[in-house]
Amino acid sequence: MVMPTQTQNNPFLHEPPTLSAAKAPRHSQRGWLIAGAILLVFAGIFLYGMVARLRKEATVRAETAQMGLPSVSVISPQRAAPSQEIVLPGNVQPFISAPIYSRTNGYLKRWHADIGANVREGQLLAEIETPEVDQQLQQSRSNLATAQANLKLAEITKNRYQGLLATHAVAQQDVDNAVGTYNANQAIVEANQANVKQLETLQSFEKIYAPFDGIVTARNTDIGALIASGNSGGVKTDLFHISQPGKLRVYVNVPEQYSQAATPGLRAELTLAEFPGRRFQGKLVRTSNAINYATRTLLAEVDVDNPSGELLSGSYTEVHLKVRGRTSSYLVPVSALIFRSQGLQVAVVKNGSVLLTPVTPGHDFGDQIEIVSGLKGDESVIVSPPDSIISGQKVQVVQPVAAGGVQ
């Protein structure tokens, strides 16, 4: 058993509480506040790190999803000009061109014009020997002389019998026979005259003349060659070929979509490889007024003056026609077209998604093509879309290119 000490039992011996003992609760409370603040700091740091991590993960996921989208380049359709120049291939032909045949049979005696010669209308080109025709003509003239002599005798007999009939010296039957003989001989004379005229005409074909002013572009015969008339059977060979180069015709096939714009009076320009930098003026004068079923084109004729003859017939040329453009047509790169069983389409980006739009093509300009329907002009058309692209597919637009497809 422990006995209480003196100090413990004496109440006067106890000391009063000191200042340190009074402040102890306050220090304890401050410690709790500091600990709470530190805890809050660590919690804030932790929460900040978690939020930053979550944001980073969301950003990575978004970037990953974005990188997973196909990247495409787009263009804005370019409105076509109100007046367009279309370039069409054409063949230069002489305004007048004719093969020269013989109208009689024989042998070529001589020719007077070779290729490249300028000839005038009525100029002698060649001479043909026709001995058979000459002999037939001589025989026909002899037959005509015989028929004319018989006609003369029949006329004398007819006149004599008619005079004797007035005195009843001959019978009416004898007079009728004389008149009939005269009429028959007259018909024979007329037939022989026609035969002589025909042979004289054939004989005149021994000389071949130029039918119009022009240039001899071909000579297919030579001295001593056997000549067959052009109207005879078998293979026909022209002796000469003459063309008139002072004015030329150029035939072009205009695509059906421009057929309404290709009207007579339209100005045209010709360019040829042998004349670099030069353009020859022409005019569209007529069309066939019908679309060719096979080519779906309209045949048009362009006339060009060629007074100096520097343009050669048979040349290849490019014909430049300025036609009225469509107000609602646009130009896009050829690479933007999609060829599928549904028809011609282009891929348009709208709100980040693909929309396949059917279009109707117009004129093909090589690197660009005209779209006559299907576009409004405010679309973003994908350049070189992938073959697997479909409507509704999400894409990202990168490196947008300028109108017309030029980056």
Protein backbone atom coordinates (compact mmCIF):
# COMPACT_ATOMS: atom_id res chain seq x y z
CA MET A 1 0.00 0.00 0.00
CA VAL A 2 1.44 3.29 -0.99
CA MET A 3 1.12 6.07 1.45
CA PRO A 4 0.35 9.57 0.31
CA THR A 5 3.13 11.95 0.56
CA GLN A 6 3.02 15.23 2.30
CA THR A 7 2.97 17.14 -0.79
CA GLN A 8 0.06 15.33 -2.17
CA ASN A 9 -2.03 15.84 0.91
CA ASN A 10 -1.31 19.51 1.27
CA PRO A 11 -3.52 21.54 -1.02
CA PHE A 12 -1.48 24.65 -0.57
CA LEU A 13 1.58 23.02 -1.91
CA HIS A 14 0.03 22.59 -5.47
CA GLU A 15 1.37 25.06 -8.12
CA PRO A 16 -1.08 26.89 -10.44
CA PRO A 17 -1.20 25.87 -14.19
CA THR A 18 1.48 27.43 -16.32
CA LEU A 19 1.06 29.26 -19.70
CA SER A 20 2.49 26.25 -21.62
CA ALA A 21 -0.13 23.95 -20.28
CA ALA A 22 -2.84 26.39 -21.44
CA LYS A 23 -1.54 26.54 -24.94
CA ALA A 24 -1.29 22.77 -25.38
CA PRO A 25 -4.81 22.35 -26.78
CA ARG A 26 -4.19 25.11 -29.23
CA HIS A 27 -1.02 23.42 -30.51
CA SER A 28 -2.91 20.19 -30.90
CA GLN A 29 -5.66 21.92 -32.91
CA ARG A 30 -3.12 23.65 -35.16
CA GLY A 31 -1.42 20.31 -35.80
CA TRP A 32 -4.66 18.87 -36.95
CA LEU A 33 -5.20 21.82 -39.26
CA ILE A 34 -1.71 21.50 -40.72
CA ALA A 35 -2.20 17.79 -41.22
CA GLY A 36 -5.53 18.40 -42.91
CA ALA A 37 -4.00 21.05 -45.15
CA ILE A 38 -1.19 18.73 -46.11
CA LEU A 39 -3.70 16.01 -46.79
CA LEU A 40 -5.74 18.35 -48.92
CA VAL A 41 -2.62 19.35 -50.86
CA PHE A 42 -1.74 15.76 -51.51
CA ALA A 43 -5.33 15.03 -52.46
CA GLY A 44 -5.35 17.99 -54.83
CA ILE A 45 -2.07 16.88 -56.34
CA PHE A 46 -3.46 13.39 -56.71
CA LEU A 47 -6.70 14.62 -58.26
CA TYR A 48 -4.82 16.95 -60.60
CA GLY A 49 -2.62 14.09 -61.72
CA MET A 50 -5.64 11.86 -62.25
CA VAL A 51 -7.47 14.55 -64.26
CA ALA A 52 -4.35 15.26 -66.31
CA ARG A 53 -3.91 11.55 -66.92
CA LEU A 54 -7.53 11.14 -67.93
CA ARG A 55 -7.30 14.15 -70.23
CA LYS A 56 -4.12 12.80 -71.77
CA GLU A 57 -5.71 9.42 -72.29
CA ALA A 58 -8.75 11.10 -73.87
CA THR A 59 -6.45 13.13 -76.10
CA VAL A 60 -4.52 10.03 -77.08
CA ARG A 61 -7.75 8.19 -77.82
CA ALA A 62 -9.01 11.14 -79.90
CA GLU A 63 -5.72 11.39 -81.75
CA THR A 64 -5.69 7.65 -82.32
CA ALA A 65 -9.24 7.76 -83.64
CA GLN A 66 -8.35 10.77 -85.78
CA MET A 67 -5.29 9.03 -87.15
CA GLY A 68 -7.43 6.02 -87.96
CA LEU A 69 -9.61 8.14 -90.32
CA PRO A 70 -8.63 8.26 -94.02
CA SER A 71 -6.95 11.51 -94.97
CA VAL A 72 -8.28 13.20 -98.10
CA SER A 73 -7.66 16.39 -100.06
CA VAL A 74 -10.60 18.37 -101.36
CA ILE A 75 -11.24 21.04 -103.95
CA SER A 76 -14.06 23.44 -104.66
CA PRO A 77 -15.61 23.00 -108.13
CA GLN A 78 -14.61 25.77 -110.52
CA ARG A 79 -17.42 27.39 -112.48
CA ALA A 80 -16.98 26.92 -116.22
CA ALA A 81 -16.45 30.00 -118.36
CA PRO A 82 -19.53 31.38 -120.18
CA SER A 83 -17.66 30.91 -123.45
CA GLN A 84 -15.69 27.74 -123.92
CA GLU A 85 -13.16 26.78 -126.57
CA ILE A 86 -13.40 23.21 -127.71
CA VAL A 87 -10.62 21.70 -129.81
CA LEU A 88 -11.63 19.07 -132.35
CA PRO A 89 -9.59 17.10 -134.88
CA GLY A 90 -10.29 17.83 -138.52
CA ASN A 91 -9.15 16.88 -142.01
CA VAL A 92 -8.41 19.57 -144.57
CA GLN A 93 -10.09 18.87 -147.91
CA PRO A 94 -10.17 20.88 -151.14
CA PHE A 95 -13.33 22.82 -151.83
CA ILE A 96 -13.65 21.06 -155.21
CA SER A 97 -11.93 17.79 -156.05
CA ALA A 98 -12.57 15.53 -159.02
CA PRO A 99 -11.02 12.45 -160.64
CA ILE A 100 -10.64 12.74 -164.42
CA TYR A 101 -11.62 9.64 -166.42
CA SER A 102 -11.61 8.88 -170.12
CA ARG A 103 -14.91 8.52 -171.95
CA THR A 104 -13.42 6.47 -174.79
CA ASN A 105 -11.16 3.46 -175.23
CA GLY A 106 -7.68 3.69 -176.73
CA TYR A 107 -4.01 4.37 -175.97
CA LEU A 108 -2.55 7.44 -174.38
CA LYS A 109 -0.81 9.45 -177.07
CA ARG A 110 0.63 12.17 -174.84
CA TRP A 111 -0.03 14.04 -171.60
CA HIS A 112 0.45 17.77 -171.02
CA ALA A 113 0.23 18.23 -167.22
CA ASP A 114 2.02 16.47 -164.39
CA ILE A 115 1.46 16.47 -160.62
CA GLY A 116 1.68 19.87 -158.99
CA ALA A 117 0.81 21.69 -162.22
CA ASN A 118 -1.61 24.61 -161.99
CA VAL A 119 -4.17 24.21 -164.75
CA ARG A 120 -6.94 26.45 -166.01
CA GLU A 121 -10.46 25.47 -166.93
CA GLY A 122 -10.49 24.02 -170.48
CA GLN A 123 -6.73 23.41 -170.59
CA LEU A 124 -5.65 20.29 -172.53
CA LEU A 125 -4.42 17.56 -170.18
CA ALA A 126 -3.92 14.54 -172.44
CA GLU A 127 -4.60 13.05 -175.89
CA ILE A 128 -5.78 9.52 -176.59
CA GLU A 129 -5.47 7.53 -179.81
CA THR A 130 -8.74 5.72 -180.65
CA PRO A 131 -8.27 3.85 -183.97
CA GLU A 132 -11.41 1.76 -183.49
CA VAL A 133 -13.54 4.85 -182.99
CA ASP A 134 -11.93 6.53 -186.01
CA GLN A 135 -12.75 3.51 -188.20
CA GLN A 136 -16.29 3.32 -186.88
CA LEU A 137 -16.78 7.00 -187.58
CA GLN A 138 -15.50 6.62 -191.14
CA GLN A 139 -17.81 3.65 -191.72
CA SER A 140 -20.74 5.51 -190.22
CA ARG A 141 -20.14 8.50 -192.47
CA SER A 142 -20.07 6.18 -195.52
CA ASN A 143 -23.35 4.60 -194.45
CA LEU A 144 -24.79 8.09 -194.04
CA ALA A 145 -23.71 9.03 -197.56
CA THR A 146 -25.33 5.86 -198.95
CA ALA A 147 -28.53 6.55 -197.05
CA GLN A 148 -28.61 10.14 -198.26
CA ALA A 149 -28.18 8.94 -201.92
CA ASN A 150 -31.02 6.46 -201.50
CA LEU A 151 -33.15 9.19 -199.96
CA LYS A 152 -32.45 11.46 -202.92
CA LEU A 153 -33.48 8.75 -205.38
CA ALA A 154 -36.62 7.96 -203.34
CA GLU A 155 -37.51 11.65 -203.34
CA ILE A 156 -37.20 11.87 -207.15
CA THR A 157 -39.30 8.72 -207.55
CA LYS A 158 -41.94 10.01 -205.17
CA ASN A 159 -42.21 13.36 -206.97
CA ARG A 160 -42.41 11.69 -210.37
CA TYR A 161 -45.17 9.28 -209.33
CA GLN A 162 -47.16 12.05 -207.73
CA GLY A 163 -46.97 14.00 -211.04
CA LEU A 164 -48.07 11.02 -213.07
CA LEU A 165 -50.95 10.33 -210.73
CA ALA A 166 -52.58 13.62 -211.82
CA THR A 167 -52.85 12.25 -215.41
CA HIS A 168 -53.86 8.78 -214.17
CA ALA A 169 -50.74 7.34 -215.78
CA VAL A 170 -49.85 5.31 -212.62
CA ALA A 171 -51.91 3.57 -210.03
CA GLN A 172 -52.44 4.97 -206.56
CA GLN A 173 -50.65 1.93 -205.15
CA ASP A 174 -47.46 2.82 -207.01
CA VAL A 175 -47.60 6.35 -205.59
CA ASP A 176 -48.07 5.03 -202.07
CA ASN A 177 -45.09 2.67 -202.51
CA ALA A 178 -42.92 5.54 -203.65
CA VAL A 179 -43.94 7.74 -200.74
CA GLY A 180 -43.30 4.86 -198.29
CA THR A 181 -39.87 4.23 -199.73
CA TYR A 182 -39.00 7.90 -199.35
CA ASN A 183 -40.12 8.00 -195.71
CA ALA A 184 -38.15 4.85 -194.89
CA ASN A 185 -35.00 6.23 -196.48
CA GLN A 186 -35.45 9.49 -194.60
CA ALA A 187 -35.57 7.55 -191.29
CA ILE A 188 -32.43 5.66 -192.28
CA VAL A 189 -30.65 8.94 -192.98
CA GLU A 190 -31.64 10.33 -189.60
CA ALA A 191 -30.43 7.16 -187.84
CA ASN A 192 -27.10 7.32 -189.66
CA GLN A 193 -26.76 11.02 -188.79
CA ALA A 194 -27.30 10.21 -185.08
CA ASN A 195 -24.72 7.43 -185.28
CA VAL A 196 -22.20 9.75 -186.90
CA LYS A 197 -22.85 12.38 -184.24
CA GLN A 198 -22.36 9.82 -181.46
CA LEU A 199 -19.04 8.64 -182.90
CA GLU A 200 -17.90 12.23 -183.41
CA THR A 201 -18.64 12.86 -179.75
CA LEU A 202 -16.61 9.80 -178.78
CA GLN A 203 -13.82 10.99 -181.00
CA SER A 204 -13.88 14.36 -179.25
CA PHE A 205 -13.12 12.50 -176.01
CA GLU A 206 -9.68 11.78 -177.42
CA LYS A 207 -8.72 15.11 -175.89
CA ILE A 208 -9.08 15.46 -172.12
CA TYR A 209 -9.54 18.96 -170.72
CA ALA A 210 -9.47 20.38 -167.18
CA PRO A 211 -13.03 20.91 -165.88
CA PHE A 212 -12.04 23.78 -163.54
CA ASP A 213 -9.07 25.78 -162.28
CA GLY A 214 -6.95 23.77 -159.92
CA ILE A 215 -3.85 21.71 -159.24
CA VAL A 216 -3.09 18.27 -160.62
CA THR A 217 -2.60 16.13 -157.50
CA ALA A 218 -2.29 12.76 -159.27
CA ARG A 219 -1.36 11.39 -162.72
CA ASN A 220 -2.08 7.69 -163.02
CA THR A 221 -1.19 7.07 -166.66
CA ASP A 222 1.66 7.40 -169.12
CA ILE A 223 2.31 7.38 -172.86
CA GLY A 224 1.23 4.11 -174.49
CA ALA A 225 -0.97 3.01 -171.59
CA LEU A 226 -4.22 1.27 -172.47
CA ILE A 227 -7.14 3.51 -171.61
CA ALA A 228 -10.57 2.16 -170.72
CA SER A 229 -13.58 4.41 -170.69
CA GLY A 230 -14.86 5.40 -167.27
CA ASN A 231 -18.36 4.08 -168.01
CA SER A 232 -17.15 0.60 -168.93
CA GLY A 233 -17.22 -2.33 -166.53
CA GLY A 234 -14.28 -3.48 -164.42
CA VAL A 235 -11.82 -1.51 -162.35
CA LYS A 236 -11.92 2.22 -163.06
CA THR A 237 -8.69 4.20 -162.84
CA ASP A 238 -8.69 7.97 -163.04
CA LEU A 239 -6.11 9.44 -165.41
CA PHE A 240 -5.72 12.61 -163.36
CA HIS A 241 -6.97 14.02 -160.09
CA ILE A 242 -7.54 17.77 -159.82
CA SER A 243 -8.19 19.78 -156.68
CA GLN A 244 -9.06 23.42 -156.18
CA PRO A 245 -6.93 24.74 -153.25
CA GLY A 246 -8.07 28.37 -153.20
CA LYS A 247 -10.74 27.49 -150.66
CA LEU A 248 -10.71 24.53 -148.31
CA ARG A 249 -13.30 22.52 -146.44
CA VAL A 250 -12.58 21.14 -142.98
CA TYR A 251 -14.99 18.54 -141.60
CA VAL A 252 -15.19 18.09 -137.83
CA ASN A 253 -17.34 15.91 -135.59
CA VAL A 254 -18.86 18.03 -132.83
CA PRO A 255 -19.84 16.13 -129.63
CA GLU A 256 -23.57 15.85 -129.08
CA GLN A 257 -23.56 18.06 -125.96
CA TYR A 258 -22.30 20.98 -128.09
CA SER A 259 -24.51 20.29 -131.10
CA GLN A 260 -26.94 23.11 -130.27
CA ALA A 261 -24.09 25.63 -130.00
CA ALA A 262 -22.53 24.62 -133.34
CA THR A 263 -24.54 26.93 -135.58
CA PRO A 264 -23.65 28.31 -139.03
CA GLY A 265 -21.69 31.54 -138.78
CA LEU A 266 -19.65 30.44 -135.76
CA ARG A 267 -16.03 31.58 -136.04
CA ALA A 268 -13.35 28.92 -136.04
CA GLU A 269 -9.55 28.86 -135.92
CA LEU A 270 -7.24 26.22 -137.35
CA THR A 271 -3.85 25.21 -135.98
CA LEU A 272 -1.44 22.91 -137.79
CA ALA A 273 1.79 21.31 -136.60
CA GLU A 274 3.68 22.65 -139.62
CA PHE A 275 2.71 26.23 -138.71
CA PRO A 276 3.57 26.60 -134.99
CA GLY A 277 2.18 29.72 -133.38
CA ARG A 278 -0.13 30.53 -136.30
CA ARG A 279 -3.90 30.37 -136.47
CA PHE A 280 -5.91 30.36 -139.68
CA GLN A 281 -9.36 31.91 -139.62
CA GLY A 282 -12.40 29.99 -140.80
CA LYS A 283 -16.16 29.90 -140.41
CA LEU A 284 -18.62 27.14 -139.73
CA VAL A 285 -20.95 27.22 -142.74
CA ARG A 286 -23.19 24.16 -142.40
CA THR A 287 -23.94 21.04 -140.39
CA SER A 288 -25.56 17.74 -141.19
CA ASN A 289 -28.45 18.55 -138.80
CA ALA A 290 -28.35 14.94 -137.63
CA ILE A 291 -26.48 13.09 -134.87
CA ASN A 292 -24.45 10.11 -136.01
CA TYR A 293 -25.73 6.97 -134.28
CA ALA A 294 -22.30 5.35 -134.00
CA THR A 295 -20.24 8.31 -132.75
CA ARG A 296 -22.98 10.53 -131.24
CA THR A 297 -21.47 13.52 -132.99
CA LEU A 298 -22.68 16.21 -135.37
CA LEU A 299 -20.81 16.56 -138.67
CA ALA A 300 -19.93 20.22 -139.32
CA GLU A 301 -18.15 21.93 -142.21
CA VAL A 302 -15.71 24.79 -141.69
CA ASP A 303 -14.60 26.78 -144.76
CA VAL A 304 -11.18 28.42 -144.85
CA ASP A 305 -9.84 30.81 -147.49
CA ASN A 306 -6.46 29.71 -148.84
CA PRO A 307 -5.52 32.23 -151.56
CA SER A 308 -1.78 31.59 -151.31
CA GLY A 309 -2.19 27.81 -151.29
CA GLU A 310 0.06 27.35 -148.25
CA LEU A 311 -2.47 25.04 -146.60
CA LEU A 312 -2.30 21.64 -148.24
CA SER A 313 -5.33 19.48 -148.74
CA GLY A 314 -5.28 16.24 -146.77
CA SER A 315 -3.53 17.86 -143.79
CA TYR A 316 -4.48 17.10 -140.20
CA THR A 317 -5.60 20.14 -138.22
CA GLU A 318 -7.07 21.08 -134.87
CA VAL A 319 -10.20 23.19 -135.09
CA HIS A 320 -10.80 25.63 -132.24
CA LEU A 321 -14.49 26.49 -131.80
CA LYS A 322 -15.68 28.98 -129.19
CA VAL A 323 -19.11 27.89 -128.08
CA ARG A 324 -21.45 29.19 -125.41
CA GLY A 325 -20.83 27.53 -122.05
CA ARG A 326 -23.50 26.29 -119.67
CA THR A 327 -24.21 28.61 -116.75
CA SER A 328 -24.60 25.69 -114.34
CA SER A 329 -21.56 23.66 -115.34
CA TYR A 330 -18.43 23.24 -113.26
CA LEU A 331 -14.90 21.94 -113.74
CA VAL A 332 -13.30 19.30 -111.53
CA PRO A 333 -10.11 17.25 -111.89
CA VAL A 334 -10.51 14.01 -113.81
CA SER A 335 -8.98 12.21 -110.81
CA ALA A 336 -12.05 13.14 -108.73
CA LEU A 337 -14.35 10.92 -110.80
CA ILE A 338 -15.53 7.56 -109.48
CA PHE A 339 -16.52 4.96 -112.08
CA ARG A 340 -18.93 2.39 -110.69
CA SER A 341 -21.93 0.37 -111.79
CA GLN A 342 -24.21 3.07 -110.34
CA GLY A 343 -22.80 5.52 -112.89
CA LEU A 344 -20.33 8.37 -112.73
CA GLN A 345 -19.96 9.85 -109.21
CA VAL A 346 -17.83 12.22 -107.14
CA ALA A 347 -17.15 12.00 -103.40
CA VAL A 348 -18.21 15.09 -101.43
CA VAL A 349 -17.19 15.77 -97.81
CA LYS A 350 -20.04 17.10 -95.67
CA ASN A 351 -19.72 17.46 -91.88
CA GLY A 352 -16.74 15.11 -91.86
CA SER A 353 -18.61 12.36 -93.72
CA VAL A 354 -18.50 11.21 -97.32
CA LEU A 355 -21.47 11.63 -99.64
CA LEU A 356 -21.25 9.97 -103.08
CA THR A 357 -22.98 12.28 -105.57
CA PRO A 358 -24.02 11.20 -109.12
CA VAL A 359 -22.87 13.65 -111.82
CA THR A 360 -23.26 14.09 -115.56
CA PRO A 361 -20.04 14.75 -117.49
CA GLY A 362 -19.63 17.31 -120.26
CA HIS A 363 -16.52 18.08 -122.28
CA ASP A 364 -13.24 16.40 -121.34
CA PHE A 365 -10.39 18.95 -121.23
CA GLY A 366 -7.68 16.39 -120.43
CA ASP A 367 -6.74 17.06 -116.80
CA GLN A 368 -10.17 18.55 -116.05
CA ILE A 369 -13.69 17.54 -116.99
CA GLU A 370 -16.87 19.56 -117.20
CA ILE A 371 -19.76 18.54 -114.92
CA VAL A 372 -23.07 19.69 -116.39
CA SER A 373 -25.32 18.46 -113.57
CA GLY A 374 -25.02 17.11 -110.04
CA LEU A 375 -22.96 19.91 -108.43
CA LYS A 376 -23.97 23.29 -106.98
CA GLY A 377 -20.47 24.75 -106.69
CA ASP A 378 -20.22 24.95 -102.89
CA GLU A 379 -19.21 21.31 -102.34
CA SER A 380 -15.84 20.01 -101.11
CA VAL A 381 -14.98 17.36 -103.69
CA ILE A 382 -12.37 14.74 -102.79
CA VAL A 383 -9.40 14.56 -105.15
CA SER A 384 -8.28 10.99 -106.00
CA PRO A 385 -10.74 9.19 -103.68
CA PRO A 386 -9.82 5.60 -102.69
CA ASP A 387 -11.64 2.79 -104.49
CA SER A 388 -13.16 1.55 -101.23
CA ILE A 389 -14.80 4.85 -100.28
CA ILE A 390 -18.52 4.68 -99.43
CA SER A 391 -21.23 7.11 -98.39
CA GLY A 392 -21.28 7.87 -94.67
CA GLN A 393 -17.59 7.06 -94.16
CA LYS A 394 -15.77 9.41 -91.78
CA VAL A 395 -12.71 11.17 -93.23
CA GLN A 396 -10.35 13.94 -92.27
CA VAL A 397 -9.49 16.76 -94.68
CA VAL A 398 -5.80 17.54 -95.04
CA GLN A 399 -3.92 19.76 -97.43
CA PRO A 400 -6.95 21.31 -99.12
CA VAL A 401 -6.10 22.25 -102.70
CA ALA A 402 -7.14 25.25 -104.72
CA ALA A 403 -10.01 25.28 -107.16
CA GLY A 404 -9.15 23.40 -110.29
CA GLY A 405 -7.07 20.83 -108.42
CA VAL A 406 -3.71 22.71 -108.31
CA GLN A 407 -1.96 22.53 -104.93
